[in-house]
Amino acid sequence: MKVINRHSEWIVFLVGLILMAAMNPYSTSTSWCLIDFIGFTYCPGEGLGHSIAFLFRGEIINSIHANLMGPFVVIGLSFRIIQLWGNLKIKTNKDLMENKNV
């Protein structure tokens, strides 16, 4: 259980990025915005998945038009995943050193 907790955050972020990158940005399927389900017309995350999909296809202008925050979200999540990997490597090395001293 410790291993799952230790790896769950970066796995969720990475899978989310991969799924959004793999989606078809030109599809007009239903929205997954909870605010939209309640009945409000404006959703702050509207087009974020499309923006990320366009960005991974190299269509930067379409990405910005879909949602201005898309490129920033990709950068932020990428940095967070790298930070988590670094922390796991440091923790693993520390655990190995402690086990050698025992």
C-alpha atoms as a PDB file:
ATOM      1  CA  MET A   1       0.000   0.000   0.000  1.00  0.00           C
ATOM      2  CA  LYS A   2       2.924   2.316   0.707  1.00  0.00           C
ATOM      3  CA  VAL A   3       4.189   1.876  -2.845  1.00  0.00           C
ATOM      4  CA  ILE A   4       0.791   2.766  -4.337  1.00  0.00           C
ATOM      5  CA  ASN A   5       0.513   5.912  -2.219  1.00  0.00           C
ATOM      6  CA  ARG A   6       4.051   6.919  -3.107  1.00  0.00           C
ATOM      7  CA  HIS A   7       3.440   6.656  -6.860  1.00  0.00           C
ATOM      8  CA  SER A   8      -0.236   7.564  -7.225  1.00  0.00           C
ATOM      9  CA  GLU A   9       0.105  11.327  -7.808  1.00  0.00           C
ATOM     10  CA  TRP A  10       2.576  11.230 -10.687  1.00  0.00           C
ATOM     11  CA  ILE A  11       0.780   8.265 -12.279  1.00  0.00           C
ATOM     12  CA  VAL A  12      -2.564  10.105 -12.257  1.00  0.00           C
ATOM     13  CA  PHE A  13      -1.001  13.257 -13.733  1.00  0.00           C
ATOM     14  CA  LEU A  14       0.895  11.340 -16.421  1.00  0.00           C
ATOM     15  CA  VAL A  15      -2.119   9.221 -17.423  1.00  0.00           C
ATOM     16  CA  GLY A  16      -4.264  12.357 -17.557  1.00  0.00           C
ATOM     17  CA  LEU A  17      -1.797  14.116 -19.837  1.00  0.00           C
ATOM     18  CA  ILE A  18      -1.499  11.074 -22.085  1.00  0.00           C
ATOM     19  CA  LEU A  19      -5.280  10.680 -22.354  1.00  0.00           C
ATOM     20  CA  MET A  20      -5.786  14.359 -23.152  1.00  0.00           C
ATOM     21  CA  ALA A  21      -2.927  14.296 -25.675  1.00  0.00           C
ATOM     22  CA  ALA A  22      -4.456  11.242 -27.382  1.00  0.00           C
ATOM     23  CA  MET A  23      -7.967  12.651 -27.653  1.00  0.00           C
ATOM     24  CA  ASN A  24      -9.340  14.070 -30.888  1.00  0.00           C
ATOM     25  CA  PRO A  25      -9.392  17.856 -30.401  1.00  0.00           C
ATOM     26  CA  TYR A  26     -11.840  18.301 -33.273  1.00  0.00           C
ATOM     27  CA  SER A  27     -14.584  16.190 -31.669  1.00  0.00           C
ATOM     28  CA  THR A  28     -17.647  17.943 -30.310  1.00  0.00           C
ATOM     29  CA  SER A  29     -18.721  15.385 -27.725  1.00  0.00           C
ATOM     30  CA  THR A  30     -20.373  16.184 -24.413  1.00  0.00           C
ATOM     31  CA  SER A  31     -18.579  18.278 -21.832  1.00  0.00           C
ATOM     32  CA  TRP A  32     -17.263  16.744 -18.596  1.00  0.00           C
ATOM     33  CA  CYS A  33     -17.378  20.061 -16.725  1.00  0.00           C
ATOM     34  CA  LEU A  34     -19.251  19.660 -13.442  1.00  0.00           C
ATOM     35  CA  ILE A  35     -20.257  23.331 -13.493  1.00  0.00           C
ATOM     36  CA  ASP A  36     -21.797  22.761 -16.926  1.00  0.00           C
ATOM     37  CA  PHE A  37     -23.763  19.759 -15.587  1.00  0.00           C
ATOM     38  CA  ILE A  38     -25.250  21.962 -12.854  1.00  0.00           C
ATOM     39  CA  GLY A  39     -26.636  24.287 -15.498  1.00  0.00           C
ATOM     40  CA  PHE A  40     -24.250  27.244 -15.638  1.00  0.00           C
ATOM     41  CA  THR A  41     -23.258  28.381 -19.119  1.00  0.00           C
ATOM     42  CA  TYR A  42     -19.622  29.276 -18.349  1.00  0.00           C
ATOM     43  CA  CYS A  43     -17.040  26.691 -17.321  1.00  0.00           C
ATOM     44  CA  PRO A  44     -13.500  27.913 -16.489  1.00  0.00           C
ATOM     45  CA  GLY A  45     -11.929  24.677 -17.734  1.00  0.00           C
ATOM     46  CA  GLU A  46     -13.885  24.684 -20.981  1.00  0.00           C
ATOM     47  CA  GLY A  47     -11.629  23.537 -23.809  1.00  0.00           C
ATOM     48  CA  LEU A  48      -8.671  22.597 -21.598  1.00  0.00           C
ATOM     49  CA  GLY A  49      -8.517  19.025 -22.885  1.00  0.00           C
ATOM     50  CA  HIS A  50      -8.813  20.275 -26.457  1.00  0.00           C
ATOM     51  CA  SER A  51      -6.063  22.809 -25.786  1.00  0.00           C
ATOM     52  CA  ILE A  52      -3.713  20.098 -24.503  1.00  0.00           C
ATOM     53  CA  ALA A  53      -4.549  17.837 -27.462  1.00  0.00           C
ATOM     54  CA  PHE A  54      -3.818  20.651 -29.916  1.00  0.00           C
ATOM     55  CA  LEU A  55      -0.578  21.463 -28.100  1.00  0.00           C
ATOM     56  CA  PHE A  56       0.704  17.888 -28.376  1.00  0.00           C
ATOM     57  CA  ARG A  57      -0.063  18.001 -32.102  1.00  0.00           C
ATOM     58  CA  GLY A  58       1.999  21.171 -32.480  1.00  0.00           C
ATOM     59  CA  GLU A  59      -1.013  23.386 -33.198  1.00  0.00           C
ATOM     60  CA  ILE A  60      -0.101  26.124 -30.726  1.00  0.00           C
ATOM     61  CA  ILE A  61      -2.487  28.779 -32.066  1.00  0.00           C
ATOM     62  CA  ASN A  62      -5.457  26.371 -31.902  1.00  0.00           C
ATOM     63  CA  SER A  63      -4.317  25.361 -28.417  1.00  0.00           C
ATOM     64  CA  ILE A  64      -4.386  28.948 -27.187  1.00  0.00           C
ATOM     65  CA  HIS A  65      -7.757  29.566 -28.846  1.00  0.00           C
ATOM     66  CA  ALA A  66      -9.253  26.482 -27.162  1.00  0.00           C
ATOM     67  CA  ASN A  67      -8.061  27.554 -23.698  1.00  0.00           C
ATOM     68  CA  LEU A  68      -5.299  30.016 -22.881  1.00  0.00           C
ATOM     69  CA  MET A  69      -4.190  28.019 -19.838  1.00  0.00           C
ATOM     70  CA  GLY A  70      -3.569  24.745 -21.736  1.00  0.00           C
ATOM     71  CA  PRO A  71       0.169  25.275 -22.375  1.00  0.00           C
ATOM     72  CA  PHE A  72       0.681  26.455 -18.798  1.00  0.00           C
ATOM     73  CA  VAL A  73      -1.104  23.380 -17.428  1.00  0.00           C
ATOM     74  CA  VAL A  74       1.123  21.073 -19.499  1.00  0.00           C
ATOM     75  CA  ILE A  75       4.257  22.869 -18.275  1.00  0.00           C
ATOM     76  CA  GLY A  76       3.055  22.845 -14.654  1.00  0.00           C
ATOM     77  CA  LEU A  77       2.075  19.173 -14.653  1.00  0.00           C
ATOM     78  CA  SER A  78       5.321  18.203 -16.379  1.00  0.00           C
ATOM     79  CA  PHE A  79       7.367  20.018 -13.747  1.00  0.00           C
ATOM     80  CA  ARG A  80       5.313  18.409 -10.973  1.00  0.00           C
ATOM     81  CA  ILE A  81       5.830  14.912 -12.415  1.00  0.00           C
ATOM     82  CA  ILE A  82       9.587  15.523 -12.673  1.00  0.00           C
ATOM     83  CA  GLN A  83       9.646  16.871  -9.116  1.00  0.00           C
ATOM     84  CA  LEU A  84       7.829  13.789  -7.821  1.00  0.00           C
ATOM     85  CA  TRP A  85      10.233  11.479  -9.670  1.00  0.00           C
ATOM     86  CA  GLY A  86      13.179  13.343  -8.140  1.00  0.00           C
ATOM     87  CA  ASN A  87      11.695  13.045  -4.659  1.00  0.00           C
ATOM     88  CA  LEU A  88      11.108   9.319  -5.170  1.00  0.00           C
ATOM     89  CA  LYS A  89      14.687   8.815  -6.327  1.00  0.00           C
ATOM     90  CA  ILE A  90      16.060  10.669  -3.288  1.00  0.00           C
ATOM     91  CA  LYS A  91      13.757   8.694  -0.963  1.00  0.00           C
ATOM     92  CA  THR A  92      14.740   5.396  -2.597  1.00  0.00           C
ATOM     93  CA  ASN A  93      18.443   6.204  -2.315  1.00  0.00           C
ATOM     94  CA  LYS A  94      17.988   7.201   1.327  1.00  0.00           C
ATOM     95  CA  ASP A  95      16.126   3.958   2.073  1.00  0.00           C
ATOM     96  CA  LEU A  96      18.880   1.934   0.401  1.00  0.00           C
ATOM     97  CA  MET A  97      21.570   3.691   2.448  1.00  0.00           C
ATOM     98  CA  GLU A  98      19.663   3.076   5.685  1.00  0.00           C
ATOM     99  CA  ASN A  99      19.275  -0.620   4.850  1.00  0.00           C
ATOM    100  CA  LYS A 100      23.021  -0.934   4.208  1.00  0.00           C
ATOM    101  CA  ASN A 101      23.822   0.543   7.610  1.00  0.00           C
ATOM    102  CA  VAL A 102      21.531  -1.892   9.437  1.00  0.00           C
END
